[in-house]
C-alpha atoms as a PDB file:
ATOM      1  CA  UNK A   1     -57.527   6.636 -28.346  1.00  0.00           C
ATOM      2  CA  UNK A   2     -58.008   8.412 -25.013  1.00  0.00           C
ATOM      3  CA  UNK A   3     -57.504   5.147 -23.175  1.00  0.00           C
ATOM      4  CA  UNK A   4     -54.175   4.596 -24.965  1.00  0.00           C
ATOM      5  CA  UNK A   5     -52.924   7.995 -23.870  1.00  0.00           C
ATOM      6  CA  UNK A   6     -53.920   7.281 -20.285  1.00  0.00           C
ATOM      7  CA  UNK A   7     -52.032   3.995 -20.383  1.00  0.00           C
ATOM      8  CA  UNK A   8     -48.903   5.824 -21.493  1.00  0.00           C
ATOM      9  CA  UNK A   9     -49.266   8.382 -18.711  1.00  0.00           C
ATOM     10  CA  UNK A  10     -46.408   8.205 -16.118  1.00  0.00           C
ATOM     11  CA  UNK A  11     -49.072   8.269 -13.425  1.00  0.00           C
ATOM     12  CA  UNK A  12     -50.387   4.883 -14.555  1.00  0.00           C
ATOM     13  CA  UNK A  13     -50.567   2.595 -11.432  1.00  0.00           C
ATOM     14  CA  UNK A  14     -48.254  -0.133 -12.744  1.00  0.00           C
ATOM     15  CA  UNK A  15     -45.586   2.254 -13.962  1.00  0.00           C
ATOM     16  CA  UNK A  16     -45.849   4.374 -10.827  1.00  0.00           C
ATOM     17  CA  UNK A  17     -45.459   1.253  -8.674  1.00  0.00           C
ATOM     18  CA  UNK A  18     -42.362   0.170 -10.631  1.00  0.00           C
ATOM     19  CA  UNK A  19     -40.803   3.629 -10.246  1.00  0.00           C
ATOM     20  CA  UNK A  20     -41.574   3.616  -6.510  1.00  0.00           C
ATOM     21  CA  UNK A  21     -39.972   0.172  -6.103  1.00  0.00           C
ATOM     22  CA  UNK A  22     -36.908   1.345  -8.021  1.00  0.00           C
ATOM     23  CA  UNK A  23     -36.498   4.417  -5.820  1.00  0.00           C
ATOM     24  CA  UNK A  24     -36.977   2.365  -2.682  1.00  0.00           C
ATOM     25  CA  UNK A  25     -34.363  -0.147  -3.849  1.00  0.00           C
ATOM     26  CA  UNK A  26     -31.935   2.647  -4.735  1.00  0.00           C
ATOM     27  CA  UNK A  27     -32.328   4.190  -1.283  1.00  0.00           C
ATOM     28  CA  UNK A  28     -31.812   0.838   0.436  1.00  0.00           C
ATOM     29  CA  UNK A  29     -28.690   0.104  -1.611  1.00  0.00           C
ATOM     30  CA  UNK A  30     -27.285   3.586  -0.952  1.00  0.00           C
ATOM     31  CA  UNK A  31     -27.850   3.130   2.779  1.00  0.00           C
ATOM     32  CA  UNK A  32     -26.032  -0.216   2.688  1.00  0.00           C
ATOM     33  CA  UNK A  33     -23.143   1.271   0.705  1.00  0.00           C
ATOM     34  CA  UNK A  34     -22.901   4.188   3.165  1.00  0.00           C
ATOM     35  CA  UNK A  35     -22.863   1.792   6.121  1.00  0.00           C
ATOM     36  CA  UNK A  36     -20.145  -0.310   4.497  1.00  0.00           C
ATOM     37  CA  UNK A  37     -18.115   2.810   3.774  1.00  0.00           C
ATOM     38  CA  UNK A  38     -18.276   3.839   7.442  1.00  0.00           C
ATOM     39  CA  UNK A  39     -17.240   0.361   8.606  1.00  0.00           C
ATOM     40  CA  UNK A  40     -14.291   0.320   6.190  1.00  0.00           C
ATOM     41  CA  UNK A  41     -13.197   3.791   7.342  1.00  0.00           C
ATOM     42  CA  UNK A  42     -13.312   2.663  10.989  1.00  0.00           C
ATOM     43  CA  UNK A  43     -11.268  -0.448  10.201  1.00  0.00           C
ATOM     44  CA  UNK A  44      -8.644   1.641   8.395  1.00  0.00           C
ATOM     45  CA  UNK A  45      -8.455   4.006  11.391  1.00  0.00           C
ATOM     46  CA  UNK A  46      -7.951   1.083  13.765  1.00  0.00           C
ATOM     47  CA  UNK A  47      -5.187  -0.271  11.516  1.00  0.00           C
ATOM     48  CA  UNK A  48      -3.401   3.104  11.572  1.00  0.00           C
ATOM     49  CA  UNK A  49      -3.682   3.236  15.374  1.00  0.00           C
ATOM     50  CA  UNK A  50      -2.250  -0.274  15.688  1.00  0.00           C
ATOM     51  CA  UNK A  51       0.574   0.586  13.285  1.00  0.00           C
ATOM     52  CA  UNK A  52       1.465   3.551  15.498  1.00  0.00           C
ATOM     53  CA  UNK A  53       1.339   1.323  18.586  1.00  0.00           C
ATOM     54  CA  UNK A  54       3.664  -1.192  16.924  1.00  0.00           C
ATOM     55  CA  UNK A  55       6.068   1.603  15.968  1.00  0.00           C
ATOM     56  CA  UNK A  56       6.092   2.902  19.571  1.00  0.00           C
ATOM     57  CA  UNK A  57       6.722  -0.615  20.897  1.00  0.00           C
ATOM     58  CA  UNK A  58       9.617  -1.084  18.474  1.00  0.00           C
ATOM     59  CA  UNK A  59      11.133   2.205  19.657  1.00  0.00           C
ATOM     60  CA  UNK A  60      10.802   1.116  23.290  1.00  0.00           C
ATOM     61  CA  UNK A  61      12.369  -2.257  22.506  1.00  0.00           C
ATOM     62  CA  UNK A  62      15.332  -0.606  20.773  1.00  0.00           C
ATOM     63  CA  UNK A  63      15.767   1.719  23.750  1.00  0.00           C
ATOM     64  CA  UNK A  64      15.631  -1.173  26.210  1.00  0.00           C
ATOM     65  CA  UNK A  65      18.120  -3.164  24.119  1.00  0.00           C
ATOM     66  CA  UNK A  66      20.548  -0.237  24.184  1.00  0.00           C
ATOM     67  CA  UNK A  67      20.195   0.040  27.969  1.00  0.00           C
ATOM     68  CA  UNK A  68      20.764  -3.710  28.349  1.00  0.00           C
ATOM     69  CA  UNK A  69      23.947  -3.492  26.260  1.00  0.00           C
ATOM     70  CA  UNK A  70      25.210  -0.615  28.420  1.00  0.00           C
ATOM     71  CA  UNK A  71      24.393  -2.544  31.583  1.00  0.00           C
ATOM     72  CA  UNK A  72      26.201  -5.636  30.326  1.00  0.00           C
ATOM     73  CA  UNK A  73      29.286  -3.598  29.472  1.00  0.00           C
ATOM     74  CA  UNK A  74      29.226  -1.981  32.907  1.00  0.00           C
ATOM     75  CA  UNK A  75      28.909  -5.383  34.581  1.00  0.00           C
ATOM     76  CA  UNK A  76      31.876  -6.667  32.572  1.00  0.00           C
ATOM     77  CA  UNK A  77      33.961  -3.670  33.652  1.00  0.00           C
ATOM     78  CA  UNK A  78      32.971  -4.170  37.289  1.00  0.00           C
ATOM     79  CA  UNK A  79      33.795  -7.874  37.132  1.00  0.00           C
ATOM     80  CA  UNK A  80      37.147  -7.120  35.509  1.00  0.00           C
ATOM     81  CA  UNK A  81      37.936  -4.468  38.121  1.00  0.00           C
ATOM     82  CA  UNK A  82      36.951  -6.853  40.893  1.00  0.00           C
ATOM     83  CA  UNK A  83      39.176  -9.584  39.444  1.00  0.00           C
ATOM     84  CA  UNK A  84      42.136  -7.230  39.113  1.00  0.00           C
ATOM     85  CA  UNK A  85      41.791  -6.077  42.698  1.00  0.00           C
ATOM     86  CA  UNK A  86      41.894  -9.667  43.894  1.00  0.00           C
ATOM     87  CA  UNK A  87      45.312 -10.286  42.194  1.00  0.00           C
ATOM     88  CA  UNK A  88      48.239  -9.452  44.543  1.00  0.00           C
ATOM     89  CA  UNK A  89      51.193  -7.482  43.241  1.00  0.00           C
ATOM     90  CA  UNK A  90      53.995 -10.057  43.698  1.00  0.00           C
ATOM     91  CA  UNK A  91      56.810  -7.786  42.527  1.00  0.00           C
ATOM     92  CA  UNK A  92      56.137  -5.142  45.139  1.00  0.00           C
ATOM     93  CA  UNK A  93      55.800  -7.780  47.842  1.00  0.00           C
ATOM     94  CA  UNK A  94      59.233  -9.208  47.057  1.00  0.00           C
ATOM     95  CA  UNK A  95      60.887  -5.754  47.149  1.00  0.00           C
ATOM     96  CA  UNK A  96      59.680  -4.817  50.643  1.00  0.00           C
ATOM     97  CA  UNK A  97      60.487  -6.169  54.052  1.00  0.00           C
ATOM     98  CA  UNK A  98      58.355  -8.665  55.869  1.00  0.00           C
ATOM     99  CA  UNK A  99      57.038  -6.058  58.299  1.00  0.00           C
ATOM    100  CA  UNK A 100      56.175  -3.699  55.538  1.00  0.00           C
ATOM    101  CA  UNK A 101      54.545  -6.559  53.675  1.00  0.00           C
ATOM    102  CA  UNK A 102      52.407  -7.420  56.676  1.00  0.00           C
ATOM    103  CA  UNK A 103      51.407  -3.790  57.176  1.00  0.00           C
ATOM    104  CA  UNK A 104      50.625  -3.300  53.532  1.00  0.00           C
ATOM    105  CA  UNK A 105      48.712  -6.551  53.393  1.00  0.00           C
ATOM    106  CA  UNK A 106      46.610  -5.602  56.394  1.00  0.00           C
ATOM    107  CA  UNK A 107      45.948  -2.124  55.052  1.00  0.00           C
ATOM    108  CA  UNK A 108      45.143  -3.395  51.583  1.00  0.00           C
ATOM    109  CA  UNK A 109      43.007  -6.150  53.039  1.00  0.00           C
ATOM    110  CA  UNK A 110      40.796  -3.611  54.786  1.00  0.00           C
ATOM    111  CA  UNK A 111      40.603  -1.377  51.713  1.00  0.00           C
ATOM    112  CA  UNK A 112      40.079  -4.367  49.449  1.00  0.00           C
ATOM    113  CA  UNK A 113      37.254  -5.659  51.610  1.00  0.00           C
ATOM    114  CA  UNK A 114      35.430  -2.333  51.508  1.00  0.00           C
ATOM    115  CA  UNK A 115      36.047  -1.934  47.781  1.00  0.00           C
ATOM    116  CA  UNK A 116      35.022  -5.507  47.081  1.00  0.00           C
ATOM    117  CA  UNK A 117      31.836  -5.063  49.068  1.00  0.00           C
ATOM    118  CA  UNK A 118      30.982  -1.903  47.165  1.00  0.00           C
ATOM    119  CA  UNK A 119      31.780  -3.512  43.821  1.00  0.00           C
ATOM    120  CA  UNK A 120      29.787  -6.616  44.663  1.00  0.00           C
ATOM    121  CA  UNK A 121      26.810  -4.484  45.658  1.00  0.00           C
ATOM    122  CA  UNK A 122      27.072  -2.518  42.423  1.00  0.00           C
ATOM    123  CA  UNK A 123      27.466  -5.733  40.474  1.00  0.00           C
ATOM    124  CA  UNK A 124      24.395  -7.275  42.095  1.00  0.00           C
ATOM    125  CA  UNK A 125      22.400  -4.104  41.526  1.00  0.00           C
ATOM    126  CA  UNK A 126      23.377  -4.052  37.860  1.00  0.00           C
ATOM    127  CA  UNK A 127      22.458  -7.706  37.498  1.00  0.00           C
ATOM    128  CA  UNK A 128      19.030  -7.082  39.015  1.00  0.00           C
ATOM    129  CA  UNK A 129      18.572  -4.102  36.717  1.00  0.00           C
ATOM    130  CA  UNK A 130      19.541  -6.228  33.724  1.00  0.00           C
ATOM    131  CA  UNK A 131      17.062  -8.951  34.699  1.00  0.00           C
ATOM    132  CA  UNK A 132      14.336  -6.337  35.087  1.00  0.00           C
ATOM    133  CA  UNK A 133      15.137  -4.851  31.681  1.00  0.00           C
ATOM    134  CA  UNK A 134      15.083  -8.297  30.102  1.00  0.00           C
ATOM    135  CA  UNK A 135      11.660  -8.945  31.619  1.00  0.00           C
ATOM    136  CA  UNK A 136      10.397  -5.582  30.344  1.00  0.00           C
ATOM    137  CA  UNK A 137      11.850  -6.346  26.933  1.00  0.00           C
ATOM    138  CA  UNK A 138      10.097  -9.720  26.903  1.00  0.00           C
ATOM    139  CA  UNK A 139       6.808  -8.027  27.806  1.00  0.00           C
ATOM    140  CA  UNK A 140       7.252  -5.486  25.007  1.00  0.00           C
ATOM    141  CA  UNK A 141       7.948  -8.281  22.536  1.00  0.00           C
ATOM    142  CA  UNK A 142       4.799 -10.076  23.676  1.00  0.00           C
ATOM    143  CA  UNK A 143       2.749  -6.879  23.244  1.00  0.00           C
ATOM    144  CA  UNK A 144       4.301  -6.399  19.824  1.00  0.00           C
ATOM    145  CA  UNK A 145       3.296  -9.931  18.768  1.00  0.00           C
ATOM    146  CA  UNK A 146      -0.240  -9.332  20.031  1.00  0.00           C
ATOM    147  CA  UNK A 147      -0.431  -6.048  18.117  1.00  0.00           C
ATOM    148  CA  UNK A 148       0.747  -7.747  14.928  1.00  0.00           C
ATOM    149  CA  UNK A 149      -1.838 -10.501  15.359  1.00  0.00           C
ATOM    150  CA  UNK A 150      -4.557  -7.898  15.896  1.00  0.00           C
ATOM    151  CA  UNK A 151      -3.503  -5.974  12.786  1.00  0.00           C
ATOM    152  CA  UNK A 152      -3.601  -9.181  10.763  1.00  0.00           C
ATOM    153  CA  UNK A 153      -7.097  -9.910  12.079  1.00  0.00           C
ATOM    154  CA  UNK A 154      -8.298  -6.386  11.240  1.00  0.00           C
ATOM    155  CA  UNK A 155      -6.812  -6.638   7.762  1.00  0.00           C
ATOM    156  CA  UNK A 156      -8.704  -9.899   7.182  1.00  0.00           C
ATOM    157  CA  UNK A 157     -11.906  -8.221   8.375  1.00  0.00           C
ATOM    158  CA  UNK A 158     -11.251  -5.298   6.031  1.00  0.00           C
ATOM    159  CA  UNK A 159     -10.697  -7.630   3.093  1.00  0.00           C
ATOM    160  CA  UNK A 160     -13.934  -9.431   3.945  1.00  0.00           C
ATOM    161  CA  UNK A 161     -15.833  -6.130   4.078  1.00  0.00           C
ATOM    162  CA  UNK A 162     -14.348  -5.087   0.747  1.00  0.00           C
ATOM    163  CA  UNK A 163     -15.396  -8.384  -0.831  1.00  0.00           C
ATOM    164  CA  UNK A 164     -18.881  -8.032   0.623  1.00  0.00           C
ATOM    165  CA  UNK A 165     -19.100  -4.451  -0.670  1.00  0.00           C
ATOM    166  CA  UNK A 166     -18.060  -5.633  -4.132  1.00  0.00           C
ATOM    167  CA  UNK A 167     -20.725  -8.361  -4.058  1.00  0.00           C
ATOM    168  CA  UNK A 168     -23.371  -5.848  -2.982  1.00  0.00           C
ATOM    169  CA  UNK A 169     -22.382  -3.475  -5.771  1.00  0.00           C
ATOM    170  CA  UNK A 170     -22.666  -6.301  -8.306  1.00  0.00           C
ATOM    171  CA  UNK A 171     -26.033  -7.337  -6.881  1.00  0.00           C
ATOM    172  CA  UNK A 172     -27.203  -3.731  -7.016  1.00  0.00           C
ATOM    173  CA  UNK A 173     -26.189  -3.446 -10.670  1.00  0.00           C
ATOM    174  CA  UNK A 174     -27.979  -6.708 -11.488  1.00  0.00           C
ATOM    175  CA  UNK A 175     -31.096  -5.563  -9.634  1.00  0.00           C
ATOM    176  CA  UNK A 176     -31.105  -2.231 -11.466  1.00  0.00           C
ATOM    177  CA  UNK A 177     -30.830  -4.069 -14.756  1.00  0.00           C
ATOM    178  CA  UNK A 178     -33.762  -6.353 -13.884  1.00  0.00           C
ATOM    179  CA  UNK A 179     -35.902  -3.420 -12.756  1.00  0.00           C
ATOM    180  CA  UNK A 180     -35.145  -1.531 -15.955  1.00  0.00           C
ATOM    181  CA  UNK A 181     -36.028  -4.625 -17.983  1.00  0.00           C
ATOM    182  CA  UNK A 182     -39.255  -5.024 -16.000  1.00  0.00           C
ATOM    183  CA  UNK A 183     -40.192  -1.389 -16.547  1.00  0.00           C
ATOM    184  CA  UNK A 184     -39.408  -1.720 -20.262  1.00  0.00           C
ATOM    185  CA  UNK A 185     -41.505  -4.892 -20.569  1.00  0.00           C
ATOM    186  CA  UNK A 186     -44.368  -3.256 -18.675  1.00  0.00           C
ATOM    187  CA  UNK A 187     -44.186  -0.212 -20.920  1.00  0.00           C
ATOM    188  CA  UNK A 188     -44.135  -2.353 -24.065  1.00  0.00           C
ATOM    189  CA  UNK A 189     -47.028  -4.432 -22.752  1.00  0.00           C
ATOM    190  CA  UNK A 190     -49.078  -1.334 -21.991  1.00  0.00           C
ATOM    191  CA  UNK A 191     -48.379   0.040 -25.459  1.00  0.00           C
ATOM    192  CA  UNK A 192     -49.379  -3.279 -27.023  1.00  0.00           C
ATOM    193  CA  UNK A 193     -52.618  -3.373 -25.039  1.00  0.00           C
ATOM    194  CA  UNK A 194     -53.329   0.218 -25.985  1.00  0.00           C
ATOM    195  CA  UNK A 195     -52.735  -0.596 -29.639  1.00  0.00           C
ATOM    196  CA  UNK A 196     -55.010  -3.636 -29.481  1.00  0.00           C
ATOM    197  CA  UNK A 197     -57.673  -1.613 -27.725  1.00  0.00           C
ATOM    198  CA  UNK A 198     -57.400   1.103 -30.376  1.00  0.00           C
ATOM    199  CA  UNK A 199     -57.691  -1.460 -33.172  1.00  0.00           C
ATOM    200  CA  UNK A 200     -60.675  -3.060 -31.451  1.00  0.00           C
ATOM    201  CA  UNK A 201     -62.315   0.330 -30.983  1.00  0.00           C
ATOM    202  CA  UNK A 202     -61.702   1.201 -34.621  1.00  0.00           C
ATOM    203  CA  UNK A 203     -63.061  -2.180 -35.681  1.00  0.00           C
ATOM    204  CA  UNK A 204     -66.227  -1.757 -33.624  1.00  0.00           C
ATOM    205  CA  UNK A 205     -66.615   1.792 -34.853  1.00  0.00           C
ATOM    206  CA  UNK A 206     -66.292   0.610 -38.461  1.00  0.00           C
ATOM    207  CA  UNK A 207     -68.913  -2.080 -38.036  1.00  0.00           C
ATOM    208  CA  UNK A 208     -71.172   0.324 -36.286  1.00  0.00           C
END
């Protein structure tokens, strides 16, 4: 009977070994779950940062588009003003004398040349500015596409980590179940051996 009680003792080598293995497995699984949780948190943070970058790029693109529209309107006004200044006023020319016409034409020619030069310079400057803005806008669009592609890649990585975490959780649950079954079988086996030993002892004692 004393042997049976010792077999049931939690300090029995087999049971103690099973408990130690279970604790070691639990610690390993918890460490893996903690590591996965940190990786998922980092991926989510990177997604938020990329979302903010995309939002900033969209704001810059809208601002550049507005500037381009303003520049185009200004160029149209300059071109229209330049075209109007090139058109001679025929009515006024017919109402004045030839000398006055020549004087006015010379005077207007000088003024028109200076004004045309200034307008052409402004027009060329605006065109260069528009080209530069279009190039900047194209660069922003390219950065935006790259940011979207990166976000998509990070989201795929996050989904993969989530699937892997789910698989690990399922494996952990299965392993716990197997360990519990092993411990239960070991306990039942020890009890059976103890019972057989008690019966054998009683049998020997009876015959003695």
